[in-house]
Protein backbone atom coordinates (compact mmCIF):
# COMPACT_ATOMS: atom_id res chain seq x y z
CA UNK A 1 -1.79 3.37 19.73
CA UNK A 2 1.60 3.99 21.22
CA UNK A 3 3.17 3.41 17.81
CA UNK A 4 0.89 6.04 16.27
CA UNK A 5 2.38 8.71 18.47
CA UNK A 6 5.99 7.60 18.32
CA UNK A 7 8.27 8.69 15.46
CA UNK A 8 10.48 6.02 14.02
CA UNK A 9 13.84 6.74 15.61
CA UNK A 10 15.18 7.53 19.11
CA UNK A 11 15.72 11.20 18.33
CA UNK A 12 12.07 11.65 17.37
CA UNK A 13 10.98 9.62 20.37
CA UNK A 14 12.95 11.84 22.72
CA UNK A 15 11.62 15.04 21.16
CA UNK A 16 8.05 13.78 21.36
CA UNK A 17 8.49 12.92 25.05
CA UNK A 18 9.86 16.40 25.72
CA UNK A 19 6.91 17.99 23.98
CA UNK A 20 4.43 15.83 25.87
CA UNK A 21 6.03 16.90 29.12
CA UNK A 22 6.07 20.53 28.02
CA UNK A 23 2.41 20.36 27.00
CA UNK A 24 1.46 18.93 30.37
CA UNK A 25 3.44 21.66 32.12
CA UNK A 26 1.81 24.40 30.07
CA UNK A 27 -1.61 23.09 31.01
CA UNK A 28 -1.02 23.03 34.77
CA UNK A 29 -3.70 25.68 35.23
CA UNK A 30 -6.32 23.47 33.57
CA UNK A 31 -6.42 21.11 36.55
CA UNK A 32 -9.91 19.85 35.79
CA UNK A 33 -8.71 18.68 32.36
CA UNK A 34 -5.50 16.99 33.41
CA UNK A 35 -5.19 13.44 32.08
CA UNK A 36 -2.54 10.85 32.55
CA UNK A 37 -0.77 10.71 29.20
CA UNK A 38 -0.38 6.96 29.62
CA UNK A 39 -3.89 6.97 28.10
CA UNK A 40 -2.16 6.65 24.74
CA UNK A 41 -1.13 3.10 25.69
CA UNK A 42 -4.84 2.32 26.25
CA UNK A 43 -4.47 1.33 29.90
CA UNK A 44 -7.62 0.00 31.42
CA UNK A 45 -10.65 1.87 32.64
CA UNK A 46 -13.45 0.34 30.60
CA UNK A 47 -14.06 -3.36 29.82
CA UNK A 48 -14.24 -4.55 26.25
CA UNK A 49 -16.58 -7.37 25.31
CA UNK A 50 -14.66 -10.31 23.85
CA UNK A 51 -15.64 -13.78 22.82
CA UNK A 52 -13.91 -16.64 24.56
CA UNK A 53 -10.70 -17.89 22.98
CA UNK A 54 -10.59 -21.06 20.86
CA UNK A 55 -10.11 -24.28 22.76
CA UNK A 56 -6.54 -24.47 21.50
CA UNK A 57 -5.63 -21.27 23.34
CA UNK A 58 -4.35 -21.45 26.86
CA UNK A 59 -6.56 -20.37 29.73
CA UNK A 60 -3.94 -17.76 30.62
CA UNK A 61 -4.23 -16.12 27.19
CA UNK A 62 -8.00 -16.14 27.45
CA UNK A 63 -7.98 -14.42 30.82
CA UNK A 64 -5.48 -11.89 29.51
CA UNK A 65 -7.74 -10.98 26.58
CA UNK A 66 -10.81 -10.72 28.80
CA UNK A 67 -9.03 -8.31 31.13
CA UNK A 68 -8.12 -5.78 28.42
CA UNK A 69 -9.83 -2.45 29.02
CA UNK A 70 -10.07 0.75 27.02
CA UNK A 71 -9.06 4.05 28.60
CA UNK A 72 -10.35 6.32 25.86
CA UNK A 73 -10.68 6.96 22.16
CA UNK A 74 -8.25 8.83 19.94
CA UNK A 75 -10.01 9.90 16.73
CA UNK A 76 -8.97 11.87 13.68
CA UNK A 77 -10.56 14.77 11.85
CA UNK A 78 -12.94 12.53 9.91
CA UNK A 79 -14.15 10.52 12.89
CA UNK A 80 -15.26 13.19 15.36
CA UNK A 81 -18.77 11.74 15.33
CA UNK A 82 -17.29 8.96 17.49
CA UNK A 83 -17.46 11.49 20.33
CA UNK A 84 -21.10 10.44 20.73
CA UNK A 85 -20.15 6.78 21.03
CA UNK A 86 -17.49 7.61 23.61
CA UNK A 87 -20.00 9.57 25.67
CA UNK A 88 -22.39 6.64 25.73
CA UNK A 89 -19.57 4.45 27.01
CA UNK A 90 -18.39 7.12 29.50
CA UNK A 91 -15.01 7.32 27.77
CA UNK A 92 -12.92 10.42 27.10
CA UNK A 93 -12.21 11.28 23.46
CA UNK A 94 -9.01 12.85 22.19
CA UNK A 95 -8.64 14.36 18.72
CA UNK A 96 -5.44 13.71 16.80
CA UNK A 97 -4.75 16.52 14.32
CA UNK A 98 -2.21 15.57 11.67
CA UNK A 99 -2.06 19.14 10.34
CA UNK A 100 -0.54 22.26 11.87
CA UNK A 101 -1.65 24.50 14.73
CA UNK A 102 -2.59 27.29 12.32
CA UNK A 103 -5.15 25.05 10.67
CA UNK A 104 -6.41 23.93 14.07
CA UNK A 105 -6.87 27.61 14.98
CA UNK A 106 -8.98 28.11 11.85
CA UNK A 107 -11.16 25.09 12.64
CA UNK A 108 -11.71 26.21 16.23
CA UNK A 109 -12.69 29.66 14.96
CA UNK A 110 -15.29 28.44 12.45
CA UNK A 111 -18.11 27.63 14.92
CA UNK A 112 -17.57 30.97 16.71
CA UNK A 113 -17.78 32.89 13.45
CA UNK A 114 -20.82 30.88 12.38
CA UNK A 115 -22.77 31.95 15.47
CA UNK A 116 -22.48 35.56 14.34
CA UNK A 117 -22.64 35.05 10.61
CA UNK A 118 -24.14 31.89 9.13
CA UNK A 119 -23.40 32.93 5.55
CA UNK A 120 -20.75 31.04 3.59
CA UNK A 121 -17.61 33.19 3.18
CA UNK A 122 -17.05 35.01 -0.12
CA UNK A 123 -13.81 36.18 -1.67
CA UNK A 124 -14.74 39.84 -1.27
CA UNK A 125 -15.68 39.57 2.44
CA UNK A 126 -13.64 41.47 5.05
CA UNK A 127 -10.49 39.79 6.32
CA UNK A 128 -10.90 37.33 9.18
CA UNK A 129 -9.20 37.90 12.52
CA UNK A 130 -8.46 34.38 13.71
CA UNK A 131 -6.99 33.84 17.18
CA UNK A 132 -3.78 31.89 16.73
CA UNK A 133 -2.94 33.34 13.31
CA UNK A 134 -0.77 36.44 13.32
CA UNK A 135 -2.08 38.25 10.23
CA UNK A 136 -5.67 38.91 9.13
CA UNK A 137 -6.80 36.22 6.70
CA UNK A 138 -8.49 37.22 3.40
CA UNK A 139 -11.37 34.80 2.69
CA UNK A 140 -9.98 34.19 -0.80
CA UNK A 141 -7.08 32.20 0.69
CA UNK A 142 -9.20 29.97 2.92
CA UNK A 143 -9.43 26.26 2.08
CA UNK A 144 -11.50 25.79 -1.05
CA UNK A 145 -13.94 23.51 0.78
CA UNK A 146 -15.23 26.53 2.73
CA UNK A 147 -16.42 28.25 -0.43
CA UNK A 148 -17.42 25.33 -2.67
CA UNK A 149 -20.60 24.36 -0.86
CA UNK A 150 -19.01 22.39 1.98
CA UNK A 151 -18.98 25.23 4.51
CA UNK A 152 -21.79 23.85 6.68
CA UNK A 153 -20.14 20.42 6.80
CA UNK A 154 -16.87 22.02 7.92
CA UNK A 155 -18.65 23.96 10.66
CA UNK A 156 -20.41 20.80 11.84
CA UNK A 157 -17.13 18.90 12.09
CA UNK A 158 -15.29 21.79 13.73
CA UNK A 159 -18.02 22.24 16.34
CA UNK A 160 -17.16 18.82 17.80
CA UNK A 161 -13.52 19.69 18.51
CA UNK A 162 -14.29 21.37 21.83
CA UNK A 163 -16.29 18.35 22.98
CA UNK A 164 -13.11 16.30 23.24
CA UNK A 165 -11.02 15.94 26.38
CA UNK A 166 -7.91 17.09 24.56
CA UNK A 167 -6.34 17.68 21.14
CA UNK A 168 -3.11 15.96 20.10
CA UNK A 169 -1.39 18.02 17.40
CA UNK A 170 1.41 17.02 15.05
CA UNK A 171 3.44 20.14 15.68
CA UNK A 172 5.80 21.53 18.30
CA UNK A 173 5.97 24.70 20.36
CA UNK A 174 9.19 26.02 18.83
CA UNK A 175 7.66 25.96 15.36
CA UNK A 176 4.21 27.44 16.09
CA UNK A 177 4.63 29.27 19.37
CA UNK A 178 2.06 31.97 18.65
CA UNK A 179 -0.73 29.57 17.66
CA UNK A 180 -0.08 27.09 20.45
CA UNK A 181 0.05 29.78 23.12
CA UNK A 182 -3.31 31.10 21.92
CA UNK A 183 -4.96 27.79 22.79
CA UNK A 184 -3.78 27.96 26.38
CA UNK A 185 -5.50 31.24 27.19
CA UNK A 186 -8.90 31.29 25.51
CA UNK A 187 -10.66 29.40 28.30
CA UNK A 188 -12.74 27.34 25.83
CA UNK A 189 -10.33 25.02 24.05
CA UNK A 190 -9.50 21.67 25.64
CA UNK A 191 -5.82 21.06 26.39
CA UNK A 192 -3.67 20.91 23.25
CA UNK A 193 -0.74 18.49 23.31
CA UNK A 194 1.90 19.33 20.63
CA UNK A 195 3.60 15.95 20.18
CA UNK A 196 5.32 16.55 16.86
CA UNK A 197 7.10 16.04 14.71
CA UNK A 198 5.36 12.73 14.07
CA UNK A 199 6.81 11.66 10.74
CA UNK A 200 7.43 8.41 8.91
CA UNK A 201 11.17 8.24 8.43
CA UNK A 202 11.17 4.82 6.81
CA UNK A 203 9.03 4.31 3.72
CA UNK A 204 7.58 0.84 4.24
CA UNK A 205 5.19 0.90 1.30
CA UNK A 206 5.47 -2.00 -1.10
CA UNK A 207 6.76 -0.28 -4.22
CA UNK A 208 6.76 -1.91 -7.61
CA UNK A 209 10.00 -3.11 -9.18
CA UNK A 210 9.89 -0.04 -11.42
CA UNK A 211 9.76 2.29 -8.42
CA UNK A 212 12.57 0.38 -6.73
CA UNK A 213 14.68 0.79 -9.85
CA UNK A 214 13.82 4.50 -9.89
CA UNK A 215 14.79 4.83 -6.22
CA UNK A 216 18.14 3.12 -6.82
CA UNK A 217 18.87 5.38 -9.80
CA UNK A 218 18.11 8.51 -7.76
CA UNK A 219 20.23 7.49 -4.77
CA UNK A 220 23.18 6.50 -7.00
CA UNK A 221 23.01 9.90 -8.69
CA UNK A 222 22.88 11.71 -5.34
CA UNK A 223 25.85 9.69 -4.10
CA UNK A 224 27.94 11.20 -6.90
CA UNK A 225 27.06 14.82 -6.03
CA UNK A 226 28.96 17.13 -3.65
CA UNK A 227 27.57 17.64 -0.17
CA UNK A 228 24.62 20.08 0.13
CA UNK A 229 24.83 20.91 -3.59
CA UNK A 230 21.48 19.63 -4.91
CA UNK A 231 18.14 21.45 -4.98
CA UNK A 232 15.28 18.98 -4.71
CA UNK A 233 11.99 19.92 -6.41
CA UNK A 234 8.97 17.90 -5.32
CA UNK A 235 5.35 19.03 -4.96
CA UNK A 236 3.48 16.31 -3.13
CA UNK A 237 1.40 13.36 -4.26
CA UNK A 238 -1.13 15.65 -5.98
CA UNK A 239 1.34 18.19 -7.35
CA UNK A 240 1.61 18.63 -11.11
CA UNK A 241 2.33 21.35 -13.66
CA UNK A 242 1.20 22.07 -17.17
CA UNK A 243 3.63 22.31 -20.08
CA UNK A 244 4.08 26.10 -19.87
CA UNK A 245 4.85 26.00 -16.16
CA UNK A 246 7.29 23.16 -16.70
CA UNK A 247 9.19 25.25 -19.26
CA UNK A 248 9.39 28.23 -16.88
CA UNK A 249 10.73 26.08 -14.04
CA UNK A 250 13.28 24.52 -16.40
CA UNK A 251 14.51 27.95 -17.55
CA UNK A 252 14.89 29.05 -13.93
CA UNK A 253 16.83 25.93 -13.01
CA UNK A 254 19.19 26.29 -15.95
CA UNK A 255 19.85 29.97 -15.28
CA UNK A 256 20.49 29.29 -11.59
CA UNK A 257 23.40 26.99 -12.39
CA UNK A 258 22.43 24.77 -9.44
CA UNK A 259 22.49 21.01 -9.39
CA UNK A 260 18.93 19.73 -9.15
CA UNK A 261 16.75 16.69 -8.69
CA UNK A 262 13.28 17.34 -10.08
CA UNK A 263 10.31 15.05 -9.39
CA UNK A 264 8.33 16.12 -12.45
CA UNK A 265 4.68 15.12 -12.60
CA UNK A 266 2.06 16.10 -15.17
CA UNK A 267 -1.73 16.45 -14.91
CA UNK A 268 -3.59 13.27 -15.89
CA UNK A 269 -5.36 13.14 -19.27
CA UNK A 270 -8.99 14.22 -19.22
CA UNK A 271 -11.26 11.55 -17.84
CA UNK A 272 -8.34 9.63 -16.32
CA UNK A 273 -8.85 10.55 -12.68
CA UNK A 274 -7.09 13.14 -10.53
CA UNK A 275 -3.70 11.62 -9.76
CA UNK A 276 -0.71 13.16 -11.55
CA UNK A 277 1.31 10.97 -13.88
CA UNK A 278 4.97 10.74 -14.82
CA UNK A 279 5.83 12.69 -17.93
CA UNK A 280 5.80 10.24 -20.87
CA UNK A 281 8.11 12.36 -23.05
CA UNK A 282 10.35 14.94 -21.37
CA UNK A 283 11.57 16.48 -24.61
CA UNK A 284 8.01 17.49 -25.51
CA UNK A 285 7.57 19.67 -22.41
CA UNK A 286 11.11 20.91 -21.71
CA UNK A 287 12.93 23.68 -23.60
CA UNK A 288 14.90 22.54 -26.63
CA UNK A 289 18.28 21.16 -25.63
CA UNK A 290 17.59 21.42 -21.89
CA UNK A 291 18.42 17.79 -21.14
CA UNK A 292 21.72 17.98 -23.02
CA UNK A 293 22.78 21.27 -21.39
CA UNK A 294 22.01 20.05 -17.87
CA UNK A 295 23.35 16.52 -18.32
CA UNK A 296 25.32 15.54 -15.24
CA UNK A 297 24.13 18.57 -13.28
CA UNK A 298 20.46 17.67 -13.06
CA UNK A 299 18.24 14.61 -12.90
CA UNK A 300 14.54 14.55 -13.75
CA UNK A 301 12.41 11.74 -12.40
CA UNK A 302 8.75 11.03 -11.69
CA UNK A 303 8.10 9.41 -8.35
CA UNK A 304 10.86 10.07 -5.80
CA UNK A 305 11.51 8.74 -2.26
CA UNK A 306 11.14 12.16 -0.65
CA UNK A 307 12.23 11.32 2.91
CA UNK A 308 15.29 9.47 1.68
CA UNK A 309 16.23 12.31 -0.65
CA UNK A 310 15.87 14.91 2.12
CA UNK A 311 18.03 12.77 4.38
CA UNK A 312 20.81 12.47 1.79
CA UNK A 313 23.99 14.48 2.39
CA UNK A 314 23.95 15.85 -1.17
CA UNK A 315 20.56 17.60 -0.72
CA UNK A 316 20.99 21.27 0.18
CA UNK A 317 17.60 22.82 -0.62
CA UNK A 318 13.97 21.87 -1.13
CA UNK A 319 11.48 23.55 -3.48
CA UNK A 320 8.10 22.32 -2.31
CA UNK A 321 4.34 22.84 -2.17
CA UNK A 322 4.95 22.98 1.60
CA UNK A 323 2.41 20.43 2.64
CA UNK A 324 2.64 19.77 6.36
CA UNK A 325 4.44 16.44 6.03
CA UNK A 326 6.98 18.01 3.70
CA UNK A 327 7.60 20.87 6.11
CA UNK A 328 8.17 18.54 9.04
CA UNK A 329 10.39 16.21 7.04
CA UNK A 330 12.57 19.04 5.75
CA UNK A 331 12.89 20.52 9.25
CA UNK A 332 13.80 17.15 10.67
CA UNK A 333 16.61 16.71 8.15
CA UNK A 334 17.73 20.35 8.33
CA UNK A 335 17.04 21.13 4.67
CA UNK A 336 15.96 24.73 3.90
CA UNK A 337 12.64 24.92 2.05
CA UNK A 338 11.27 27.34 -0.51
CA UNK A 339 7.52 27.41 -1.09
CA UNK A 340 6.72 27.56 -4.79
CA UNK A 341 4.34 30.52 -4.99
CA UNK A 342 3.15 29.50 -8.42
CA UNK A 343 1.73 26.41 -6.81
CA UNK A 344 0.61 27.75 -3.42
CA UNK A 345 -0.95 31.19 -3.13
CA UNK A 346 1.49 33.71 -1.67
CA UNK A 347 -1.22 35.24 0.49
CA UNK A 348 -1.98 31.88 2.08
CA UNK A 349 1.65 31.29 2.94
CA UNK A 350 1.98 34.75 4.45
CA UNK A 351 -1.15 34.40 6.59
CA UNK A 352 -0.59 30.89 7.85
């Protein structure tokens, strides 16, 4: 559990510790909710049932296993029903939110709104005033799941948030001051601990030989570019563009005169799932002569090692879908980001 909350280098570790301390300080007034943050190491308050060790194990190891106790449960968004289990075992439950404080504010607001209006939101409804979000939120920019028939399920999940002993959020005060401060003063929300940024700085996934070759090609190309000269375009694991959008992006890149690294992904063929695919033939989707005119100045790839690219000295800008991981990674590496408004609704970006 400790590893879950610790970023992968000393700088992250230090920042997380500072934020934990700051969170505890900000919640001094909630004395009845104060918890020892060593909970995250699962120090003992409740015995776990364990079978005896095999005969080959030492008696010392067996006693050590039998003495392990659980202090509490840390669950994610999809496991809030475990709150009931924790209550039966007289254990505190903490919710770990991997998304931002703005989204947490929306989820905390849903049950309150539902008490007054049980109808699923419609695009033409009045704007929502959500504590923790600066601007009024038009329903048309809410997550699609709230308007596609899943509204009641969302409300049911969100209603469990306030049953937890505390909420651990992958954000930090300096980034979302307004939202985080709103949690401290509403008198209903359990303590919120902003422990971010919790990011994976080392990609330990087992990539295929093809992906390793792609990674090596990308890094070699970046090594040959001037410092902070490359714009990196990457739109997340689900991000893809149709042929017309690809042409428009290509025209913009060429006219800008900037060096670029473009992780270009296309929608999958019909009936072939939802995951984007690498473009099988770049010349079919790019403007005529584009590859020749940008040779040496730009590189188009499919999959790209995003964290490694953002960390590279040659990367000077990031055009992104602005998923939360991408935002945190770009902030960590000090790379300015631009949210592609053709991919993410402008109104959503402005509200959240």
